[in-house]
Amino acid sequence: MTVHSPVQLPIQMQKARKKDMRSQFAALVYRVKNDKVQVLLVTSRNSGRWIIPKGWPMLGETPSDAAATEAWEEAGVKGKTFDRCLGVYSYYKTRGGGRDLPCLVMVYPVKAKKLATEYPEHDQRRRKWFSLKKASKLVTEPELSHIIASFDPRQVH
């Protein structure tokens, strides 16, 4: 049996100067239901496209803790967070005034244990569970799509 490890795709940031890059931390929220892995996607506030919860570094929090905080704020998820980074992806955060901000996002797994009805951004986003295959097709970032498609919770522990 051959085991394939996830491959990081090249990150394309041609327009960015090194000092312009920003870091974010994201949560790949997952559950196993009927022996099938599902991931929770949320909609972005502005465009309504499907994304994973993510945000800026937080003072005093590890990257995985920051990802867990975003999972709570954006999706109402409480769960078990793992310190193993699953991979990174890049995107441009749309800013006012035509200045897009290049971001490099580190993705951390969060195993969902509880979904709250009321959470900080419940009235600003939708959330929905998807199979790995479907979720990987719904996100627009190629590196994130690869991270989702190749996710195996057995490799997290």
N, C-alpha and C. Protein backbone atom coordinates (compact mmCIF):
# COMPACT_ATOMS: atom_id res chain seq x y z
N MET A 1 0.84 -1.19 0.00
CA MET A 1 0.00 0.00 0.00
C MET A 1 0.88 1.24 0.00
N THR A 2 0.62 2.16 -0.89
CA THR A 2 1.38 3.40 -0.97
C THR A 2 0.62 4.49 -0.24
N VAL A 3 1.31 5.21 0.61
CA VAL A 3 0.70 6.32 1.33
C VAL A 3 1.17 7.62 0.69
N HIS A 4 0.23 8.44 0.28
CA HIS A 4 0.57 9.71 -0.33
C HIS A 4 0.38 10.82 0.69
N SER A 5 1.42 11.60 0.91
CA SER A 5 1.28 12.73 1.82
C SER A 5 0.81 13.94 1.02
N PRO A 6 0.05 14.86 1.65
CA PRO A 6 -0.43 16.02 0.93
C PRO A 6 0.75 16.83 0.38
N VAL A 7 0.58 17.32 -0.82
CA VAL A 7 1.61 18.11 -1.47
C VAL A 7 1.18 19.58 -1.45
N GLN A 8 2.09 20.44 -1.03
CA GLN A 8 1.79 21.86 -1.03
C GLN A 8 1.97 22.41 -2.44
N LEU A 9 0.94 23.01 -2.97
CA LEU A 9 1.02 23.62 -4.29
C LEU A 9 1.79 24.93 -4.20
N PRO A 10 2.40 25.39 -5.29
CA PRO A 10 3.12 26.67 -5.26
C PRO A 10 2.16 27.81 -4.91
N ILE A 11 2.66 28.74 -4.14
CA ILE A 11 1.85 29.90 -3.75
C ILE A 11 2.20 31.05 -4.67
N GLN A 12 1.18 31.60 -5.32
CA GLN A 12 1.39 32.66 -6.31
C GLN A 12 1.08 34.02 -5.68
N MET A 13 2.08 34.82 -5.49
CA MET A 13 1.91 36.16 -4.93
C MET A 13 2.75 37.17 -5.72
N GLN A 14 2.56 37.22 -7.02
CA GLN A 14 3.40 38.06 -7.85
C GLN A 14 3.31 39.55 -7.50
N LYS A 15 2.15 40.02 -7.09
CA LYS A 15 1.95 41.45 -6.85
C LYS A 15 2.46 41.90 -5.48
N ALA A 16 2.79 40.97 -4.60
CA ALA A 16 3.09 41.32 -3.21
C ALA A 16 4.58 41.51 -2.99
N ARG A 17 4.89 42.55 -2.23
CA ARG A 17 6.24 42.69 -1.70
C ARG A 17 6.26 41.93 -0.39
N LYS A 18 7.42 41.46 0.00
CA LYS A 18 7.53 40.62 1.20
C LYS A 18 6.89 41.29 2.42
N LYS A 19 7.10 42.59 2.60
CA LYS A 19 6.55 43.28 3.77
C LYS A 19 5.04 43.48 3.70
N ASP A 20 4.45 43.24 2.53
CA ASP A 20 3.01 43.41 2.38
C ASP A 20 2.20 42.18 2.76
N MET A 21 2.84 41.04 2.90
CA MET A 21 2.15 39.79 3.18
C MET A 21 1.60 39.79 4.61
N ARG A 22 0.37 39.30 4.77
CA ARG A 22 -0.25 39.17 6.08
C ARG A 22 -0.53 37.70 6.36
N SER A 23 -0.47 37.32 7.62
CA SER A 23 -0.75 35.94 8.04
C SER A 23 -2.14 35.85 8.64
N GLN A 24 -2.81 34.75 8.38
CA GLN A 24 -4.08 34.45 9.03
C GLN A 24 -4.06 32.98 9.44
N PHE A 25 -4.99 32.64 10.35
CA PHE A 25 -5.13 31.28 10.82
C PHE A 25 -6.57 30.85 10.55
N ALA A 26 -6.72 29.61 10.07
CA ALA A 26 -8.03 29.12 9.69
C ALA A 26 -8.32 27.78 10.35
N ALA A 27 -9.62 27.49 10.47
CA ALA A 27 -10.08 26.22 11.05
C ALA A 27 -10.72 25.37 9.98
N LEU A 28 -10.20 24.16 9.80
CA LEU A 28 -10.89 23.17 8.99
C LEU A 28 -11.74 22.36 9.97
N VAL A 29 -12.99 22.78 10.10
CA VAL A 29 -13.92 22.15 11.04
C VAL A 29 -14.45 20.87 10.39
N TYR A 30 -14.35 19.76 11.13
CA TYR A 30 -14.78 18.49 10.56
C TYR A 30 -15.54 17.65 11.57
N ARG A 31 -16.24 16.67 11.04
CA ARG A 31 -16.90 15.63 11.84
C ARG A 31 -16.91 14.36 11.00
N VAL A 32 -17.13 13.24 11.68
CA VAL A 32 -17.29 11.96 10.98
C VAL A 32 -18.71 11.50 11.26
N LYS A 33 -19.49 11.36 10.19
CA LYS A 33 -20.89 10.97 10.32
C LYS A 33 -21.13 9.80 9.38
N ASN A 34 -21.61 8.68 9.93
CA ASN A 34 -21.83 7.45 9.16
C ASN A 34 -20.55 7.04 8.42
N ASP A 35 -19.43 7.13 9.13
CA ASP A 35 -18.11 6.75 8.60
C ASP A 35 -17.64 7.64 7.44
N LYS A 36 -18.27 8.77 7.23
CA LYS A 36 -17.87 9.71 6.18
C LYS A 36 -17.40 11.02 6.82
N VAL A 37 -16.29 11.53 6.33
CA VAL A 37 -15.76 12.80 6.84
C VAL A 37 -16.51 13.95 6.16
N GLN A 38 -16.94 14.90 6.97
CA GLN A 38 -17.60 16.10 6.46
C GLN A 38 -16.87 17.31 7.02
N VAL A 39 -16.87 18.40 6.24
CA VAL A 39 -16.30 19.65 6.72
C VAL A 39 -17.37 20.73 6.69
N LEU A 40 -17.22 21.66 7.60
CA LEU A 40 -18.19 22.75 7.74
C LEU A 40 -17.65 23.98 7.02
N LEU A 41 -18.39 24.46 6.04
CA LEU A 41 -18.04 25.71 5.36
C LEU A 41 -19.00 26.79 5.81
N VAL A 42 -18.53 28.02 5.77
CA VAL A 42 -19.35 29.18 6.07
C VAL A 42 -19.29 30.12 4.87
N THR A 43 -20.25 31.01 4.79
CA THR A 43 -20.21 31.99 3.71
C THR A 43 -19.44 33.22 4.17
N SER A 44 -18.77 33.85 3.23
CA SER A 44 -18.10 35.11 3.55
C SER A 44 -19.18 36.17 3.75
N ARG A 45 -18.83 37.21 4.49
CA ARG A 45 -19.83 38.24 4.79
C ARG A 45 -20.19 39.07 3.57
N ASN A 46 -19.22 39.36 2.72
CA ASN A 46 -19.49 40.26 1.60
C ASN A 46 -19.99 39.54 0.34
N SER A 47 -19.22 38.57 -0.15
CA SER A 47 -19.57 37.95 -1.43
C SER A 47 -20.51 36.75 -1.29
N GLY A 48 -20.57 36.15 -0.10
CA GLY A 48 -21.41 34.98 0.10
C GLY A 48 -20.79 33.69 -0.43
N ARG A 49 -19.52 33.74 -0.83
CA ARG A 49 -18.86 32.52 -1.32
C ARG A 49 -18.52 31.62 -0.14
N TRP A 50 -18.33 30.33 -0.41
CA TRP A 50 -18.03 29.36 0.64
C TRP A 50 -16.55 29.41 1.00
N ILE A 51 -16.28 29.50 2.32
CA ILE A 51 -14.93 29.60 2.86
C ILE A 51 -14.85 28.76 4.13
N ILE A 52 -13.66 28.70 4.73
CA ILE A 52 -13.53 28.14 6.07
C ILE A 52 -13.30 29.31 7.03
N PRO A 53 -13.68 29.16 8.30
CA PRO A 53 -13.47 30.25 9.27
C PRO A 53 -11.98 30.60 9.37
N LYS A 54 -11.69 31.90 9.30
CA LYS A 54 -10.30 32.33 9.40
C LYS A 54 -10.24 33.75 9.91
N GLY A 55 -9.05 34.11 10.42
CA GLY A 55 -8.89 35.47 10.91
C GLY A 55 -7.44 35.76 11.24
N TRP A 56 -7.23 36.93 11.82
CA TRP A 56 -5.90 37.45 12.10
C TRP A 56 -5.31 36.82 13.36
N PRO A 57 -3.98 36.85 13.50
CA PRO A 57 -3.34 36.40 14.74
C PRO A 57 -3.91 37.16 15.94
N MET A 58 -3.93 36.50 17.08
CA MET A 58 -4.48 37.10 18.30
C MET A 58 -3.42 37.06 19.39
N LEU A 59 -3.24 38.17 20.03
CA LEU A 59 -2.24 38.29 21.08
C LEU A 59 -2.49 37.25 22.18
N GLY A 60 -1.47 36.48 22.51
CA GLY A 60 -1.58 35.49 23.58
C GLY A 60 -2.18 34.17 23.16
N GLU A 61 -2.57 34.03 21.88
CA GLU A 61 -3.15 32.77 21.42
C GLU A 61 -2.21 32.10 20.43
N THR A 62 -2.11 30.78 20.53
CA THR A 62 -1.34 30.02 19.54
C THR A 62 -2.11 30.06 18.21
N PRO A 63 -1.46 29.73 17.11
CA PRO A 63 -2.19 29.69 15.84
C PRO A 63 -3.42 28.78 15.87
N SER A 64 -3.30 27.59 16.46
CA SER A 64 -4.45 26.69 16.51
C SER A 64 -5.56 27.24 17.41
N ASP A 65 -5.18 27.92 18.50
CA ASP A 65 -6.19 28.55 19.37
C ASP A 65 -6.92 29.67 18.63
N ALA A 66 -6.17 30.45 17.84
CA ALA A 66 -6.79 31.51 17.04
C ALA A 66 -7.76 30.91 16.02
N ALA A 67 -7.38 29.79 15.41
CA ALA A 67 -8.28 29.10 14.47
C ALA A 67 -9.55 28.65 15.18
N ALA A 68 -9.41 28.13 16.40
CA ALA A 68 -10.58 27.70 17.18
C ALA A 68 -11.48 28.88 17.52
N THR A 69 -10.88 30.02 17.84
CA THR A 69 -11.67 31.22 18.12
C THR A 69 -12.47 31.62 16.89
N GLU A 70 -11.85 31.57 15.71
CA GLU A 70 -12.56 31.89 14.47
C GLU A 70 -13.68 30.89 14.20
N ALA A 71 -13.45 29.61 14.49
CA ALA A 71 -14.49 28.61 14.31
C ALA A 71 -15.70 28.94 15.18
N TRP A 72 -15.46 29.42 16.39
CA TRP A 72 -16.56 29.83 17.27
C TRP A 72 -17.27 31.07 16.74
N GLU A 73 -16.49 32.12 16.45
CA GLU A 73 -17.09 33.39 16.05
C GLU A 73 -17.85 33.30 14.73
N GLU A 74 -17.30 32.59 13.74
CA GLU A 74 -17.89 32.56 12.40
C GLU A 74 -18.85 31.40 12.17
N ALA A 75 -18.70 30.31 12.95
CA ALA A 75 -19.52 29.12 12.68
C ALA A 75 -20.21 28.56 13.92
N GLY A 76 -19.95 29.09 15.10
CA GLY A 76 -20.60 28.60 16.31
C GLY A 76 -20.12 27.23 16.73
N VAL A 77 -18.87 26.90 16.42
CA VAL A 77 -18.32 25.57 16.69
C VAL A 77 -17.50 25.56 17.97
N LYS A 78 -17.78 24.59 18.80
CA LYS A 78 -16.91 24.25 19.93
C LYS A 78 -16.39 22.86 19.65
N GLY A 79 -15.09 22.66 19.83
CA GLY A 79 -14.56 21.36 19.52
C GLY A 79 -13.13 21.17 19.98
N LYS A 80 -12.52 20.12 19.50
CA LYS A 80 -11.14 19.78 19.84
C LYS A 80 -10.23 20.33 18.75
N THR A 81 -9.25 21.11 19.18
CA THR A 81 -8.31 21.73 18.26
C THR A 81 -6.99 20.97 18.28
N PHE A 82 -6.38 20.86 17.13
CA PHE A 82 -5.09 20.18 17.01
C PHE A 82 -4.04 21.19 16.55
N ASP A 83 -2.81 21.02 17.06
CA ASP A 83 -1.73 21.96 16.75
C ASP A 83 -1.05 21.69 15.41
N ARG A 84 -1.43 20.63 14.74
CA ARG A 84 -0.77 20.26 13.48
C ARG A 84 -1.35 21.08 12.32
N CYS A 85 -0.50 21.89 11.69
CA CYS A 85 -0.93 22.67 10.53
C CYS A 85 -1.11 21.72 9.35
N LEU A 86 -2.28 21.77 8.72
CA LEU A 86 -2.58 20.89 7.59
C LEU A 86 -1.97 21.38 6.29
N GLY A 87 -1.66 22.65 6.22
CA GLY A 87 -1.12 23.26 5.01
C GLY A 87 -1.40 24.74 5.01
N VAL A 88 -0.99 25.39 3.96
CA VAL A 88 -1.21 26.83 3.82
C VAL A 88 -1.84 27.11 2.46
N TYR A 89 -2.56 28.22 2.39
CA TYR A 89 -3.07 28.69 1.11
C TYR A 89 -2.99 30.20 1.07
N SER A 90 -3.05 30.73 -0.12
CA SER A 90 -2.94 32.18 -0.30
C SER A 90 -4.20 32.72 -0.96
N TYR A 91 -4.48 33.97 -0.67
CA TYR A 91 -5.58 34.66 -1.34
C TYR A 91 -5.38 36.16 -1.15
N TYR A 92 -6.15 36.94 -1.86
CA TYR A 92 -6.13 38.39 -1.70
C TYR A 92 -7.40 38.81 -0.99
N LYS A 93 -7.23 39.46 0.17
CA LYS A 93 -8.37 39.99 0.92
C LYS A 93 -8.75 41.33 0.29
N THR A 94 -9.98 41.44 -0.13
CA THR A 94 -10.45 42.67 -0.76
C THR A 94 -10.58 43.76 0.28
N ARG A 95 -9.93 44.87 0.00
CA ARG A 95 -9.97 46.03 0.90
C ARG A 95 -10.59 47.20 0.15
N GLY A 96 -11.06 48.18 0.89
CA GLY A 96 -11.60 49.39 0.27
C GLY A 96 -10.50 50.16 -0.46
N GLY A 97 -10.88 50.96 -1.40
CA GLY A 97 -9.92 51.79 -2.11
C GLY A 97 -9.10 51.04 -3.14
N GLY A 98 -9.55 49.85 -3.53
CA GLY A 98 -8.86 49.10 -4.56
C GLY A 98 -7.56 48.44 -4.13
N ARG A 99 -7.29 48.41 -2.83
CA ARG A 99 -6.06 47.78 -2.34
C ARG A 99 -6.38 46.39 -1.82
N ASP A 100 -6.01 45.39 -2.59
CA ASP A 100 -6.17 44.02 -2.13
C ASP A 100 -4.96 43.65 -1.29
N LEU A 101 -5.21 42.95 -0.20
CA LEU A 101 -4.15 42.59 0.74
C LEU A 101 -3.81 41.12 0.59
N PRO A 102 -2.55 40.79 0.19
CA PRO A 102 -2.19 39.38 0.06
C PRO A 102 -2.08 38.72 1.44
N CYS A 103 -2.68 37.55 1.56
CA CYS A 103 -2.68 36.82 2.84
C CYS A 103 -2.20 35.39 2.63
N LEU A 104 -1.46 34.92 3.61
CA LEU A 104 -1.04 33.53 3.67
C LEU A 104 -1.75 32.92 4.87
N VAL A 105 -2.55 31.89 4.64
CA VAL A 105 -3.41 31.32 5.68
C VAL A 105 -2.92 29.93 6.06
N MET A 106 -2.69 29.73 7.36
CA MET A 106 -2.32 28.42 7.89
C MET A 106 -3.58 27.74 8.41
N VAL A 107 -3.79 26.49 8.01
CA VAL A 107 -5.04 25.78 8.30
C VAL A 107 -4.82 24.73 9.39
N TYR A 108 -5.69 24.78 10.42
CA TYR A 108 -5.61 23.85 11.55
C TYR A 108 -6.93 23.08 11.67
N PRO A 109 -6.86 21.79 11.94
CA PRO A 109 -8.08 20.99 12.09
C PRO A 109 -8.77 21.25 13.43
N VAL A 110 -10.09 21.30 13.38
CA VAL A 110 -10.92 21.42 14.58
C VAL A 110 -12.03 20.39 14.47
N LYS A 111 -12.03 19.41 15.37
CA LYS A 111 -13.08 18.39 15.38
C LYS A 111 -14.29 18.94 16.13
N ALA A 112 -15.39 19.11 15.41
CA ALA A 112 -16.60 19.70 16.00
C ALA A 112 -17.20 18.77 17.04
N LYS A 113 -17.52 19.34 18.19
CA LYS A 113 -18.22 18.59 19.24
C LYS A 113 -19.61 19.17 19.48
N LYS A 114 -19.74 20.49 19.26
CA LYS A 114 -21.01 21.16 19.52
C LYS A 114 -21.17 22.31 18.54
N LEU A 115 -22.39 22.47 18.02
CA LEU A 115 -22.73 23.61 17.17
C LEU A 115 -23.77 24.45 17.91
N ALA A 116 -23.44 25.69 18.14
CA ALA A 116 -24.35 26.60 18.83
C ALA A 116 -25.31 27.25 17.85
N THR A 117 -26.50 27.58 18.33
CA THR A 117 -27.46 28.31 17.51
C THR A 117 -27.13 29.79 17.51
N GLU A 118 -26.72 30.28 18.66
CA GLU A 118 -26.35 31.69 18.82
C GLU A 118 -24.84 31.78 18.96
N TYR A 119 -24.20 32.57 18.12
CA TYR A 119 -22.76 32.80 18.17
C TYR A 119 -22.50 34.17 17.55
N PRO A 120 -21.32 34.75 17.73
CA PRO A 120 -21.10 36.14 17.33
C PRO A 120 -21.54 36.52 15.91
N GLU A 121 -21.32 35.69 14.91
CA GLU A 121 -21.64 36.09 13.53
C GLU A 121 -22.79 35.28 12.92
N HIS A 122 -23.70 34.75 13.78
CA HIS A 122 -24.78 33.89 13.29
C HIS A 122 -25.71 34.61 12.32
N ASP A 123 -25.84 35.92 12.45
CA ASP A 123 -26.74 36.65 11.56
C ASP A 123 -26.03 37.22 10.33
N GLN A 124 -24.72 36.93 10.19
CA GLN A 124 -23.94 37.45 9.06
C GLN A 124 -23.50 36.39 8.08
N ARG A 125 -23.62 35.11 8.46
CA ARG A 125 -23.11 34.02 7.63
C ARG A 125 -24.08 32.84 7.64
N ARG A 126 -23.92 32.01 6.61
CA ARG A 126 -24.58 30.70 6.60
C ARG A 126 -23.50 29.66 6.84
N ARG A 127 -23.88 28.51 7.33
CA ARG A 127 -22.94 27.41 7.52
C ARG A 127 -23.61 26.13 7.04
N LYS A 128 -22.78 25.21 6.53
CA LYS A 128 -23.33 23.96 6.03
C LYS A 128 -22.23 22.91 5.98
N TRP A 129 -22.62 21.66 6.30
CA TRP A 129 -21.71 20.51 6.22
C TRP A 129 -21.67 20.00 4.79
N PHE A 130 -20.45 19.65 4.34
CA PHE A 130 -20.25 19.10 3.01
C PHE A 130 -19.29 17.92 3.07
N SER A 131 -19.41 17.02 2.08
CA SER A 131 -18.40 15.98 1.93
C SER A 131 -17.09 16.65 1.54
N LEU A 132 -15.98 15.94 1.72
CA LEU A 132 -14.68 16.49 1.34
C LEU A 132 -14.66 16.85 -0.15
N LYS A 133 -15.21 15.97 -0.96
CA LYS A 133 -15.21 16.20 -2.41
C LYS A 133 -16.00 17.45 -2.78
N LYS A 134 -17.19 17.58 -2.23
CA LYS A 134 -18.05 18.74 -2.54
C LYS A 134 -17.43 20.03 -2.01
N ALA A 135 -16.94 20.00 -0.77
CA ALA A 135 -16.35 21.20 -0.17
C ALA A 135 -15.13 21.66 -0.96
N SER A 136 -14.31 20.70 -1.41
CA SER A 136 -13.11 21.06 -2.15
C SER A 136 -13.45 21.73 -3.49
N LYS A 137 -14.63 21.44 -4.02
CA LYS A 137 -15.06 22.07 -5.27
C LYS A 137 -15.72 23.43 -5.04
N LEU A 138 -16.23 23.65 -3.85
CA LEU A 138 -16.95 24.90 -3.57
C LEU A 138 -16.02 26.07 -3.22
N VAL A 139 -14.86 25.78 -2.62
CA VAL A 139 -13.94 26.87 -2.28
C VAL A 139 -13.20 27.31 -3.53
N THR A 140 -12.83 28.57 -3.60
CA THR A 140 -12.22 29.09 -4.82
C THR A 140 -10.69 29.03 -4.84
N GLU A 141 -10.06 28.90 -3.68
CA GLU A 141 -8.61 28.89 -3.62
C GLU A 141 -8.09 27.48 -3.92
N PRO A 142 -7.23 27.32 -4.94
CA PRO A 142 -6.75 25.98 -5.33
C PRO A 142 -6.01 25.26 -4.20
N GLU A 143 -5.17 25.96 -3.44
CA GLU A 143 -4.43 25.30 -2.36
C GLU A 143 -5.38 24.81 -1.27
N LEU A 144 -6.39 25.61 -0.94
CA LEU A 144 -7.37 25.20 0.06
C LEU A 144 -8.18 24.01 -0.45
N SER A 145 -8.53 24.03 -1.70
CA SER A 145 -9.24 22.90 -2.29
C SER A 145 -8.44 21.62 -2.12
N HIS A 146 -7.14 21.69 -2.35
CA HIS A 146 -6.28 20.52 -2.20
C HIS A 146 -6.20 20.06 -0.74
N ILE A 147 -6.08 21.02 0.18
CA ILE A 147 -6.03 20.69 1.61
C ILE A 147 -7.30 19.94 2.03
N ILE A 148 -8.45 20.43 1.58
CA ILE A 148 -9.72 19.79 1.94
C ILE A 148 -9.84 18.42 1.29
N ALA A 149 -9.54 18.32 0.01
CA ALA A 149 -9.71 17.06 -0.72
C ALA A 149 -8.83 15.95 -0.16
N SER A 150 -7.65 16.32 0.36
CA SER A 150 -6.72 15.31 0.85
C SER A 150 -6.78 15.12 2.37
N PHE A 151 -7.73 15.79 3.02
CA PHE A 151 -7.80 15.72 4.49
C PHE A 151 -8.20 14.32 4.95
N ASP A 152 -7.45 13.83 5.94
CA ASP A 152 -7.73 12.54 6.57
C ASP A 152 -7.58 12.73 8.07
N PRO A 153 -8.68 12.70 8.84
CA PRO A 153 -8.59 12.97 10.27
C PRO A 153 -7.69 11.99 11.02
N ARG A 154 -7.43 10.81 10.46
CA ARG A 154 -6.55 9.85 11.12
C ARG A 154 -5.11 10.35 11.14
N GLN A 155 -4.75 11.27 10.27
CA GLN A 155 -3.39 11.82 10.23
C GLN A 155 -3.20 12.96 11.21
N VAL A 156 -4.27 13.40 11.85
CA VAL A 156 -4.23 14.55 12.75
C VAL A 156 -3.71 14.15 14.13
N HIS A 157 -4.08 12.99 14.59
CA HIS A 157 -3.80 12.58 15.98
C HIS A 157 -2.37 12.26 16.22
